Amino acid sequence: MFLILLAVASSVAMLHMIAPDHWLPLSVISSGRGYSRRKKYALSTALGFGHAGTSILVAGAVFYLGLTLIHIYISYLVLAGQILLIIVGLYFIINGYREGSRDTSIPENSALSVGIFPDLALIPILITGYSLSTYDIVTILLAFALLSTLFLCLMIFLAARGMGKIIAKMPPKYMDYLIGAVLILTAVMIEFV
């Protein structure tokens, strides 16, 4: 189960940062303000770790509370994790659908703060892996944090080279659909593995 959850957390981290709503505001604002390369990459690194950090804090708190409150029913935790994977997966799909039908522009002063909002997909991943060792859980969280940051920096690099224009044309809803599908398929795979 460790390898499945590591792959899912890694996939979610990468896919989430490829979505234009995470890197495009940073790219536009840093270009508009004339930030140096160093400042642009420092900011993208800070936002990547900020996003991963808030995601880990929220997922860790929910995980800890879940274990503390329902320790009597620990055998149901994997099932609860699978159900949460499906619910969060459906949330991403529904959010993607709703995102396609509304104005998603953000005022400049809050555009960068969007990047540090937590990723709820990490919650069911942790809950599903409750029986893993502490080392395995830390490995999953580190992979999530490092890949989130790396892919945000990569997208900023590609945008600076003009290659981001192609990806920027892709509506963020498609990444939401893909992340939702990955989470739902993970719940199904865990059932059969």
N, C-alpha and C. Protein backbone atom coordinates (compact mmCIF):
# COMPACT_ATOMS: atom_id res chain seq x y z
N MET A 1 0.82 -1.19 0.00
CA MET A 1 0.00 0.00 0.00
C MET A 1 0.88 1.27 0.00
N PHE A 2 2.08 1.16 0.62
CA PHE A 2 2.97 2.32 0.67
C PHE A 2 3.27 2.87 -0.73
N LEU A 3 3.64 2.00 -1.65
CA LEU A 3 4.00 2.46 -3.00
C LEU A 3 2.82 3.09 -3.72
N ILE A 4 1.63 2.54 -3.52
CA ILE A 4 0.44 3.13 -4.14
C ILE A 4 0.21 4.54 -3.60
N LEU A 5 0.25 4.69 -2.29
CA LEU A 5 0.00 6.01 -1.69
C LEU A 5 1.11 6.99 -2.00
N LEU A 6 2.35 6.52 -2.08
CA LEU A 6 3.45 7.39 -2.47
C LEU A 6 3.24 7.88 -3.91
N ALA A 7 2.85 6.98 -4.79
CA ALA A 7 2.60 7.36 -6.19
C ALA A 7 1.44 8.34 -6.29
N VAL A 8 0.38 8.11 -5.51
CA VAL A 8 -0.79 9.01 -5.57
C VAL A 8 -0.43 10.38 -5.03
N ALA A 9 0.24 10.44 -3.87
CA ALA A 9 0.63 11.74 -3.30
C ALA A 9 1.56 12.48 -4.26
N SER A 10 2.47 11.76 -4.89
CA SER A 10 3.39 12.38 -5.85
C SER A 10 2.63 12.89 -7.07
N SER A 11 1.71 12.09 -7.58
CA SER A 11 0.91 12.50 -8.75
C SER A 11 0.07 13.72 -8.45
N VAL A 12 -0.57 13.72 -7.28
CA VAL A 12 -1.41 14.86 -6.91
C VAL A 12 -0.55 16.12 -6.78
N ALA A 13 0.62 16.01 -6.18
CA ALA A 13 1.51 17.17 -6.03
C ALA A 13 1.89 17.74 -7.39
N MET A 14 2.27 16.86 -8.31
CA MET A 14 2.71 17.33 -9.64
C MET A 14 1.55 17.89 -10.44
N LEU A 15 0.44 17.17 -10.49
CA LEU A 15 -0.71 17.61 -11.29
C LEU A 15 -1.26 18.93 -10.77
N HIS A 16 -1.28 19.06 -9.46
CA HIS A 16 -1.84 20.27 -8.86
C HIS A 16 -1.02 21.50 -9.26
N MET A 17 0.29 21.37 -9.31
CA MET A 17 1.13 22.51 -9.63
C MET A 17 1.19 22.80 -11.13
N ILE A 18 0.85 21.84 -11.95
CA ILE A 18 0.81 22.09 -13.39
C ILE A 18 -0.41 22.94 -13.75
N ALA A 19 -1.44 22.89 -12.92
CA ALA A 19 -2.65 23.67 -13.18
C ALA A 19 -2.29 25.16 -13.19
N PRO A 20 -2.73 25.88 -14.21
CA PRO A 20 -2.38 27.30 -14.35
C PRO A 20 -2.76 28.18 -13.16
N ASP A 21 -3.79 27.80 -12.40
CA ASP A 21 -4.20 28.66 -11.29
C ASP A 21 -3.17 28.68 -10.16
N HIS A 22 -2.16 27.81 -10.20
CA HIS A 22 -1.11 27.84 -9.18
C HIS A 22 0.12 28.63 -9.63
N TRP A 23 0.52 28.48 -10.88
CA TRP A 23 1.76 29.14 -11.30
C TRP A 23 1.54 30.40 -12.12
N LEU A 24 0.43 30.51 -12.81
CA LEU A 24 0.21 31.65 -13.69
C LEU A 24 0.17 32.99 -12.93
N PRO A 25 -0.54 33.07 -11.79
CA PRO A 25 -0.51 34.37 -11.07
C PRO A 25 0.90 34.78 -10.67
N LEU A 26 1.69 33.83 -10.21
CA LEU A 26 3.07 34.12 -9.84
C LEU A 26 3.88 34.57 -11.04
N SER A 27 3.71 33.91 -12.15
CA SER A 27 4.44 34.26 -13.37
C SER A 27 4.08 35.67 -13.85
N VAL A 28 2.80 35.96 -13.88
CA VAL A 28 2.33 37.27 -14.35
C VAL A 28 2.77 38.39 -13.42
N ILE A 29 2.58 38.18 -12.13
CA ILE A 29 2.93 39.22 -11.16
C ILE A 29 4.43 39.46 -11.12
N SER A 30 5.22 38.38 -11.13
CA SER A 30 6.68 38.57 -11.07
C SER A 30 7.21 39.22 -12.34
N SER A 31 6.62 38.92 -13.48
CA SER A 31 7.03 39.59 -14.72
C SER A 31 6.61 41.05 -14.71
N GLY A 32 5.38 41.30 -14.26
CA GLY A 32 4.86 42.67 -14.22
C GLY A 32 5.64 43.56 -13.28
N ARG A 33 6.13 43.00 -12.21
CA ARG A 33 6.89 43.79 -11.23
C ARG A 33 8.40 43.77 -11.50
N GLY A 34 8.80 43.04 -12.53
CA GLY A 34 10.21 43.01 -12.90
C GLY A 34 11.11 42.27 -11.92
N TYR A 35 10.60 41.23 -11.29
CA TYR A 35 11.40 40.45 -10.35
C TYR A 35 12.58 39.80 -11.07
N SER A 36 13.67 39.73 -10.37
CA SER A 36 14.84 39.02 -10.90
C SER A 36 14.53 37.51 -10.89
N ARG A 37 15.35 36.76 -11.62
CA ARG A 37 15.18 35.29 -11.63
C ARG A 37 15.29 34.73 -10.21
N ARG A 38 16.28 35.22 -9.49
CA ARG A 38 16.49 34.73 -8.12
C ARG A 38 15.25 34.98 -7.25
N LYS A 39 14.70 36.17 -7.34
CA LYS A 39 13.54 36.50 -6.52
C LYS A 39 12.32 35.68 -6.97
N LYS A 40 12.17 35.51 -8.27
CA LYS A 40 11.04 34.73 -8.81
C LYS A 40 11.09 33.28 -8.32
N TYR A 41 12.28 32.67 -8.37
CA TYR A 41 12.42 31.27 -7.94
C TYR A 41 12.36 31.14 -6.42
N ALA A 42 12.85 32.14 -5.71
CA ALA A 42 12.74 32.13 -4.24
C ALA A 42 11.26 32.20 -3.84
N LEU A 43 10.51 33.06 -4.52
CA LEU A 43 9.09 33.19 -4.23
C LEU A 43 8.33 31.92 -4.59
N SER A 44 8.66 31.31 -5.74
CA SER A 44 7.96 30.08 -6.12
C SER A 44 8.32 28.93 -5.17
N THR A 45 9.57 28.90 -4.69
CA THR A 45 9.96 27.88 -3.71
C THR A 45 9.19 28.09 -2.41
N ALA A 46 9.11 29.34 -1.96
CA ALA A 46 8.37 29.63 -0.73
C ALA A 46 6.89 29.27 -0.88
N LEU A 47 6.30 29.61 -2.01
CA LEU A 47 4.89 29.27 -2.23
C LEU A 47 4.69 27.76 -2.34
N GLY A 48 5.62 27.07 -2.99
CA GLY A 48 5.51 25.61 -3.09
C GLY A 48 5.57 24.95 -1.72
N PHE A 49 6.55 25.36 -0.92
CA PHE A 49 6.64 24.79 0.43
C PHE A 49 5.48 25.27 1.31
N GLY A 50 5.01 26.51 1.09
CA GLY A 50 3.85 27.00 1.83
C GLY A 50 2.60 26.18 1.53
N HIS A 51 2.40 25.89 0.26
CA HIS A 51 1.26 25.07 -0.16
C HIS A 51 1.36 23.67 0.45
N ALA A 52 2.53 23.07 0.32
CA ALA A 52 2.73 21.73 0.87
C ALA A 52 2.62 21.75 2.40
N GLY A 53 3.18 22.77 3.02
CA GLY A 53 3.13 22.86 4.48
C GLY A 53 1.72 22.99 5.02
N THR A 54 0.91 23.86 4.41
CA THR A 54 -0.47 23.98 4.88
C THR A 54 -1.25 22.69 4.61
N SER A 55 -0.96 22.05 3.50
CA SER A 55 -1.63 20.77 3.18
C SER A 55 -1.26 19.71 4.21
N ILE A 56 0.02 19.64 4.56
CA ILE A 56 0.48 18.66 5.53
C ILE A 56 -0.09 18.96 6.91
N LEU A 57 -0.13 20.23 7.30
CA LEU A 57 -0.68 20.59 8.62
C LEU A 57 -2.16 20.21 8.73
N VAL A 58 -2.93 20.55 7.71
CA VAL A 58 -4.36 20.24 7.75
C VAL A 58 -4.58 18.73 7.71
N ALA A 59 -3.89 18.03 6.81
CA ALA A 59 -4.04 16.57 6.71
C ALA A 59 -3.57 15.89 8.00
N GLY A 60 -2.46 16.37 8.55
CA GLY A 60 -1.95 15.80 9.80
C GLY A 60 -2.91 16.00 10.96
N ALA A 61 -3.50 17.18 11.04
CA ALA A 61 -4.46 17.46 12.11
C ALA A 61 -5.70 16.56 11.98
N VAL A 62 -6.21 16.44 10.77
CA VAL A 62 -7.38 15.57 10.56
C VAL A 62 -7.01 14.12 10.85
N PHE A 63 -5.83 13.70 10.42
CA PHE A 63 -5.35 12.33 10.66
C PHE A 63 -5.25 12.07 12.16
N TYR A 64 -4.60 12.97 12.89
CA TYR A 64 -4.43 12.81 14.32
C TYR A 64 -5.78 12.79 15.05
N LEU A 65 -6.65 13.74 14.71
CA LEU A 65 -7.97 13.77 15.33
C LEU A 65 -8.76 12.50 15.00
N GLY A 66 -8.64 12.06 13.76
CA GLY A 66 -9.34 10.83 13.36
C GLY A 66 -8.86 9.64 14.17
N LEU A 67 -7.55 9.50 14.34
CA LEU A 67 -7.02 8.38 15.13
C LEU A 67 -7.40 8.51 16.59
N THR A 68 -7.39 9.74 17.10
CA THR A 68 -7.69 9.96 18.51
C THR A 68 -9.18 9.71 18.80
N LEU A 69 -10.03 10.23 17.94
CA LEU A 69 -11.46 10.15 18.20
C LEU A 69 -12.07 8.78 17.89
N ILE A 70 -11.51 8.10 16.91
CA ILE A 70 -12.14 6.83 16.55
C ILE A 70 -11.19 5.64 16.71
N HIS A 71 -10.30 5.73 17.70
CA HIS A 71 -9.34 4.64 17.90
C HIS A 71 -10.02 3.31 18.20
N ILE A 72 -11.23 3.36 18.73
CA ILE A 72 -11.97 2.13 19.00
C ILE A 72 -12.35 1.45 17.68
N TYR A 73 -12.59 2.23 16.68
CA TYR A 73 -13.04 1.71 15.39
C TYR A 73 -11.92 1.75 14.35
N ILE A 74 -10.70 1.52 14.79
CA ILE A 74 -9.53 1.64 13.91
C ILE A 74 -9.63 0.75 12.67
N SER A 75 -10.31 -0.36 12.79
CA SER A 75 -10.43 -1.27 11.65
C SER A 75 -11.23 -0.64 10.50
N TYR A 76 -11.99 0.37 10.81
CA TYR A 76 -12.78 1.03 9.77
C TYR A 76 -12.04 2.18 9.11
N LEU A 77 -10.83 2.46 9.57
CA LEU A 77 -10.11 3.63 9.07
C LEU A 77 -9.74 3.52 7.60
N VAL A 78 -9.35 2.35 7.13
CA VAL A 78 -9.03 2.20 5.70
C VAL A 78 -10.28 2.43 4.87
N LEU A 79 -11.40 1.88 5.32
CA LEU A 79 -12.66 2.12 4.60
C LEU A 79 -13.00 3.61 4.61
N ALA A 80 -12.80 4.26 5.75
CA ALA A 80 -13.05 5.70 5.83
C ALA A 80 -12.14 6.45 4.87
N GLY A 81 -10.87 6.02 4.79
CA GLY A 81 -9.93 6.64 3.86
C GLY A 81 -10.37 6.47 2.42
N GLN A 82 -10.84 5.26 2.08
CA GLN A 82 -11.32 5.02 0.71
C GLN A 82 -12.53 5.89 0.39
N ILE A 83 -13.44 5.98 1.35
CA ILE A 83 -14.63 6.81 1.14
C ILE A 83 -14.22 8.27 0.97
N LEU A 84 -13.27 8.72 1.79
CA LEU A 84 -12.78 10.10 1.65
C LEU A 84 -12.07 10.32 0.32
N LEU A 85 -11.32 9.33 -0.15
CA LEU A 85 -10.68 9.45 -1.47
C LEU A 85 -11.75 9.69 -2.55
N ILE A 86 -12.83 8.94 -2.46
CA ILE A 86 -13.91 9.09 -3.44
C ILE A 86 -14.58 10.44 -3.29
N ILE A 87 -14.86 10.85 -2.04
CA ILE A 87 -15.54 12.14 -1.81
C ILE A 87 -14.67 13.30 -2.29
N VAL A 88 -13.38 13.29 -1.93
CA VAL A 88 -12.49 14.38 -2.34
C VAL A 88 -12.28 14.33 -3.86
N GLY A 89 -12.20 13.12 -4.42
CA GLY A 89 -12.11 12.98 -5.88
C GLY A 89 -13.31 13.59 -6.57
N LEU A 90 -14.51 13.28 -6.05
CA LEU A 90 -15.73 13.86 -6.62
C LEU A 90 -15.75 15.38 -6.43
N TYR A 91 -15.24 15.85 -5.28
CA TYR A 91 -15.16 17.29 -5.05
C TYR A 91 -14.32 17.96 -6.13
N PHE A 92 -13.16 17.37 -6.44
CA PHE A 92 -12.30 17.94 -7.48
C PHE A 92 -13.02 17.96 -8.83
N ILE A 93 -13.69 16.88 -9.15
CA ILE A 93 -14.40 16.80 -10.44
C ILE A 93 -15.52 17.83 -10.50
N ILE A 94 -16.31 17.92 -9.43
CA ILE A 94 -17.42 18.89 -9.39
C ILE A 94 -16.87 20.31 -9.39
N ASN A 95 -15.80 20.55 -8.62
CA ASN A 95 -15.18 21.88 -8.61
C ASN A 95 -14.66 22.25 -9.99
N GLY A 96 -14.07 21.28 -10.69
CA GLY A 96 -13.59 21.53 -12.05
C GLY A 96 -14.73 21.90 -12.98
N TYR A 97 -15.84 21.20 -12.83
CA TYR A 97 -17.01 21.51 -13.66
C TYR A 97 -17.53 22.91 -13.35
N ARG A 98 -17.62 23.23 -12.06
CA ARG A 98 -18.11 24.56 -11.67
C ARG A 98 -17.13 25.65 -12.08
N GLU A 99 -15.83 25.34 -12.02
CA GLU A 99 -14.79 26.31 -12.38
C GLU A 99 -14.90 26.70 -13.84
N GLY A 100 -15.31 25.77 -14.67
CA GLY A 100 -15.44 26.04 -16.10
C GLY A 100 -16.59 26.96 -16.43
N SER A 101 -17.52 27.14 -15.47
CA SER A 101 -18.70 27.94 -15.77
C SER A 101 -18.76 29.24 -14.98
N ARG A 102 -17.63 29.66 -14.39
CA ARG A 102 -17.64 30.94 -13.66
C ARG A 102 -16.37 31.72 -13.94
N ASP A 103 -16.40 32.97 -13.58
CA ASP A 103 -15.23 33.83 -13.74
C ASP A 103 -14.22 33.47 -12.66
N THR A 104 -13.03 33.05 -13.07
CA THR A 104 -12.02 32.62 -12.11
C THR A 104 -10.91 33.66 -11.92
N SER A 105 -11.14 34.89 -12.37
CA SER A 105 -10.10 35.90 -12.19
C SER A 105 -9.98 36.26 -10.71
N ILE A 106 -8.78 36.57 -10.30
CA ILE A 106 -8.48 36.85 -8.91
C ILE A 106 -7.80 38.21 -8.84
N PRO A 107 -8.15 39.04 -7.85
CA PRO A 107 -7.43 40.30 -7.70
C PRO A 107 -5.95 40.02 -7.44
N GLU A 108 -5.09 40.91 -7.96
CA GLU A 108 -3.64 40.69 -7.86
C GLU A 108 -3.17 40.51 -6.43
N ASN A 109 -3.75 41.28 -5.48
CA ASN A 109 -3.25 41.20 -4.10
C ASN A 109 -3.55 39.86 -3.44
N SER A 110 -4.47 39.07 -3.97
CA SER A 110 -4.73 37.76 -3.38
C SER A 110 -4.32 36.62 -4.29
N ALA A 111 -3.79 36.93 -5.46
CA ALA A 111 -3.44 35.89 -6.43
C ALA A 111 -2.36 34.96 -5.90
N LEU A 112 -1.36 35.51 -5.24
CA LEU A 112 -0.28 34.66 -4.74
C LEU A 112 -0.71 33.86 -3.51
N SER A 113 -1.62 34.39 -2.72
CA SER A 113 -2.05 33.67 -1.52
C SER A 113 -2.82 32.40 -1.88
N VAL A 114 -3.40 32.35 -3.07
CA VAL A 114 -4.12 31.15 -3.51
C VAL A 114 -3.18 29.95 -3.52
N GLY A 115 -1.92 30.19 -3.84
CA GLY A 115 -0.95 29.11 -3.93
C GLY A 115 -0.65 28.40 -2.63
N ILE A 116 -0.95 29.02 -1.47
CA ILE A 116 -0.63 28.36 -0.21
C ILE A 116 -1.84 27.71 0.44
N PHE A 117 -3.02 27.81 -0.17
CA PHE A 117 -4.18 27.11 0.40
C PHE A 117 -3.91 25.62 0.39
N PRO A 118 -4.37 24.92 1.43
CA PRO A 118 -4.06 23.48 1.51
C PRO A 118 -4.76 22.66 0.43
N ASP A 119 -4.11 21.56 0.09
CA ASP A 119 -4.64 20.60 -0.86
C ASP A 119 -5.35 19.51 -0.06
N LEU A 120 -6.66 19.45 -0.16
CA LEU A 120 -7.45 18.50 0.63
C LEU A 120 -7.22 17.05 0.21
N ALA A 121 -6.65 16.82 -0.94
CA ALA A 121 -6.43 15.45 -1.41
C ALA A 121 -5.46 14.68 -0.52
N LEU A 122 -4.65 15.37 0.25
CA LEU A 122 -3.68 14.70 1.11
C LEU A 122 -4.36 14.04 2.32
N ILE A 123 -5.51 14.55 2.74
CA ILE A 123 -6.21 14.01 3.91
C ILE A 123 -6.56 12.53 3.72
N PRO A 124 -7.30 12.17 2.68
CA PRO A 124 -7.65 10.75 2.56
C PRO A 124 -6.45 9.86 2.26
N ILE A 125 -5.40 10.42 1.68
CA ILE A 125 -4.20 9.63 1.43
C ILE A 125 -3.57 9.23 2.77
N LEU A 126 -3.47 10.17 3.69
CA LEU A 126 -2.92 9.86 5.02
C LEU A 126 -3.82 8.90 5.79
N ILE A 127 -5.10 9.14 5.75
CA ILE A 127 -6.03 8.29 6.49
C ILE A 127 -5.99 6.86 5.95
N THR A 128 -5.91 6.73 4.65
CA THR A 128 -5.84 5.40 4.05
C THR A 128 -4.57 4.68 4.48
N GLY A 129 -3.50 5.41 4.70
CA GLY A 129 -2.23 4.81 5.07
C GLY A 129 -1.97 4.77 6.56
N TYR A 130 -3.03 4.76 7.37
CA TYR A 130 -2.85 4.81 8.82
C TYR A 130 -1.99 3.66 9.36
N SER A 131 -1.97 2.52 8.69
CA SER A 131 -1.22 1.36 9.20
C SER A 131 0.25 1.39 8.78
N LEU A 132 0.64 2.36 7.99
CA LEU A 132 2.03 2.46 7.55
C LEU A 132 2.91 2.92 8.70
N SER A 133 4.20 2.67 8.57
CA SER A 133 5.14 3.12 9.59
C SER A 133 5.28 4.64 9.53
N THR A 134 5.81 5.20 10.60
CA THR A 134 6.05 6.65 10.64
C THR A 134 7.01 7.04 9.52
N TYR A 135 8.01 6.21 9.29
CA TYR A 135 8.98 6.46 8.21
C TYR A 135 8.27 6.54 6.86
N ASP A 136 7.33 5.61 6.60
CA ASP A 136 6.60 5.62 5.33
C ASP A 136 5.75 6.88 5.19
N ILE A 137 5.09 7.27 6.27
CA ILE A 137 4.23 8.47 6.22
C ILE A 137 5.08 9.71 5.98
N VAL A 138 6.21 9.81 6.68
CA VAL A 138 7.10 10.96 6.50
C VAL A 138 7.63 10.97 5.06
N THR A 139 7.94 9.82 4.51
CA THR A 139 8.42 9.74 3.12
C THR A 139 7.34 10.25 2.16
N ILE A 140 6.11 9.86 2.37
CA ILE A 140 5.00 10.33 1.52
C ILE A 140 4.86 11.84 1.62
N LEU A 141 4.92 12.37 2.84
CA LEU A 141 4.77 13.82 3.04
C LEU A 141 5.94 14.59 2.43
N LEU A 142 7.14 14.07 2.59
CA LEU A 142 8.31 14.74 1.98
C LEU A 142 8.23 14.72 0.46
N ALA A 143 7.82 13.59 -0.10
CA ALA A 143 7.66 13.51 -1.56
C ALA A 143 6.64 14.54 -2.03
N PHE A 144 5.53 14.65 -1.30
CA PHE A 144 4.48 15.61 -1.65
C PHE A 144 5.04 17.04 -1.62
N ALA A 145 5.75 17.37 -0.54
CA ALA A 145 6.29 18.73 -0.38
C ALA A 145 7.34 19.04 -1.44
N LEU A 146 8.26 18.12 -1.64
CA LEU A 146 9.33 18.38 -2.61
C LEU A 146 8.82 18.44 -4.04
N LEU A 147 7.91 17.55 -4.41
CA LEU A 147 7.39 17.57 -5.78
C LEU A 147 6.48 18.76 -6.03
N SER A 148 5.71 19.18 -5.02
CA SER A 148 4.90 20.40 -5.17
C SER A 148 5.80 21.59 -5.48
N THR A 149 6.86 21.73 -4.70
CA THR A 149 7.78 22.85 -4.86
C THR A 149 8.54 22.75 -6.18
N LEU A 150 9.04 21.58 -6.48
CA LEU A 150 9.80 21.38 -7.72
C LEU A 150 8.94 21.68 -8.95
N PHE A 151 7.71 21.20 -8.96
CA PHE A 151 6.87 21.42 -10.14
C PHE A 151 6.40 22.86 -10.25
N LEU A 152 6.22 23.56 -9.14
CA LEU A 152 5.89 24.98 -9.23
C LEU A 152 7.09 25.74 -9.83
N CYS A 153 8.29 25.43 -9.37
CA CYS A 153 9.49 26.07 -9.94
C CYS A 153 9.66 25.70 -11.41
N LEU A 154 9.39 24.46 -11.76
CA LEU A 154 9.48 24.04 -13.15
C LEU A 154 8.49 24.80 -14.03
N MET A 155 7.29 24.98 -13.54
CA MET A 155 6.29 25.72 -14.33
C MET A 155 6.70 27.18 -14.49
N ILE A 156 7.29 27.77 -13.46
CA ILE A 156 7.78 29.15 -13.57
C ILE A 156 8.91 29.22 -14.58
N PHE A 157 9.80 28.23 -14.56
CA PHE A 157 10.89 28.15 -15.53
C PHE A 157 10.34 28.05 -16.95
N LEU A 158 9.38 27.15 -17.17
CA LEU A 158 8.79 26.98 -18.50
C LEU A 158 8.07 28.24 -18.96
N ALA A 159 7.38 28.89 -18.02
CA ALA A 159 6.68 30.13 -18.38
C ALA A 159 7.67 31.21 -18.79
N ALA A 160 8.79 31.29 -18.10
CA ALA A 160 9.82 32.29 -18.45
C ALA A 160 10.42 32.02 -19.82
N ARG A 161 10.38 30.78 -20.25
CA ARG A 161 10.91 30.40 -21.57
C ARG A 161 9.84 30.45 -22.66
N GLY A 162 8.65 30.90 -22.29
CA GLY A 162 7.58 31.03 -23.28
C GLY A 162 6.77 29.76 -23.49
N MET A 163 7.17 28.67 -22.84
CA MET A 163 6.45 27.41 -23.03
C MET A 163 5.20 27.31 -22.17
N GLY A 164 5.08 28.20 -21.21
CA GLY A 164 3.92 28.18 -20.34
C GLY A 164 2.64 28.62 -21.04
N LYS A 165 2.78 29.31 -22.17
CA LYS A 165 1.59 29.80 -22.87
C LYS A 165 0.69 28.66 -23.32
N ILE A 166 1.29 27.56 -23.72
CA ILE A 166 0.50 26.41 -24.16
C ILE A 166 -0.28 25.84 -22.99
N ILE A 167 0.42 25.67 -21.86
CA ILE A 167 -0.24 25.09 -20.68
C ILE A 167 -1.24 26.08 -20.10
N ALA A 168 -0.94 27.38 -20.17
CA ALA A 168 -1.84 28.39 -19.61
C ALA A 168 -3.18 28.40 -20.32
N LYS A 169 -3.19 27.98 -21.57
CA LYS A 169 -4.45 27.95 -22.32
C LYS A 169 -5.35 26.81 -21.86
N MET A 170 -4.75 25.82 -21.18
CA MET A 170 -5.52 24.69 -20.68
C MET A 170 -6.31 25.13 -19.45
N PRO A 171 -7.62 24.98 -19.48
CA PRO A 171 -8.41 25.36 -18.30
C PRO A 171 -8.03 24.53 -17.08
N PRO A 172 -7.93 25.15 -15.89
CA PRO A 172 -7.59 24.42 -14.67
C PRO A 172 -8.56 23.27 -14.37
N LYS A 173 -9.76 23.36 -14.91
CA LYS A 173 -10.74 22.31 -14.61
C LYS A 173 -10.24 20.93 -15.07
N TYR A 174 -9.42 20.88 -16.11
CA TYR A 174 -8.93 19.58 -16.59
C TYR A 174 -7.99 18.94 -15.57
N MET A 175 -7.20 19.75 -14.87
CA MET A 175 -6.35 19.20 -13.81
C MET A 175 -7.22 18.71 -12.66
N ASP A 176 -8.28 19.46 -12.34
CA ASP A 176 -9.20 19.01 -11.29
C ASP A 176 -9.83 17.68 -11.67
N TYR A 177 -10.23 17.53 -12.92
CA TYR A 177 -10.80 16.26 -13.38
C TYR A 177 -9.80 15.13 -13.22
N LEU A 178 -8.57 15.39 -13.62
CA LEU A 178 -7.53 14.36 -13.56
C LEU A 178 -7.21 13.98 -12.11
N ILE A 179 -7.07 14.97 -11.24
CA ILE A 179 -6.80 14.69 -9.83
C ILE A 179 -7.96 13.90 -9.22
N GLY A 180 -9.18 14.30 -9.53
CA GLY A 180 -10.36 13.57 -9.03
C GLY A 180 -10.36 12.13 -9.49
N ALA A 181 -10.04 11.91 -10.74
CA ALA A 181 -10.00 10.54 -11.27
C ALA A 181 -8.90 9.72 -10.60
N VAL A 182 -7.73 10.32 -10.37
CA VAL A 182 -6.63 9.62 -9.70
C VAL A 182 -7.06 9.19 -8.29
N LEU A 183 -7.72 10.08 -7.56
CA LEU A 183 -8.15 9.76 -6.20
C LEU A 183 -9.20 8.64 -6.18
N ILE A 184 -10.16 8.71 -7.08
CA ILE A 184 -11.19 7.68 -7.12
C ILE A 184 -10.60 6.34 -7.54
N LEU A 185 -9.72 6.35 -8.52
CA LEU A 185 -9.06 5.10 -8.94
C LEU A 185 -8.19 4.52 -7.83
N THR A 186 -7.60 5.38 -7.02
CA THR A 186 -6.81 4.91 -5.89
C THR A 186 -7.70 4.16 -4.88
N ALA A 187 -8.87 4.72 -4.60
CA ALA A 187 -9.80 4.06 -3.68
C ALA A 187 -10.18 2.67 -4.20
N VAL A 188 -10.40 2.59 -5.51
CA VAL A 188 -10.75 1.30 -6.12
C VAL A 188 -9.56 0.33 -6.06
N MET A 189 -8.35 0.84 -6.36
CA MET A 189 -7.16 -0.02 -6.32
C MET A 189 -6.90 -0.56 -4.92
N ILE A 190 -7.08 0.27 -3.91
CA ILE A 190 -6.85 -0.17 -2.53
C ILE A 190 -7.82 -1.28 -2.16
N GLU A 191 -9.01 -1.21 -2.69
CA GLU A 191 -10.01 -2.25 -2.40
C GLU A 191 -9.57 -3.61 -2.94
N PHE A 192 -8.87 -3.60 -4.05
CA PHE A 192 -8.50 -4.86 -4.69
C PHE A 192 -7.06 -5.29 -4.44
N VAL A 193 -6.26 -4.44 -3.78
CA VAL A 193 -4.86 -4.81 -3.52
C VAL A 193 -4.72 -5.40 -2.14
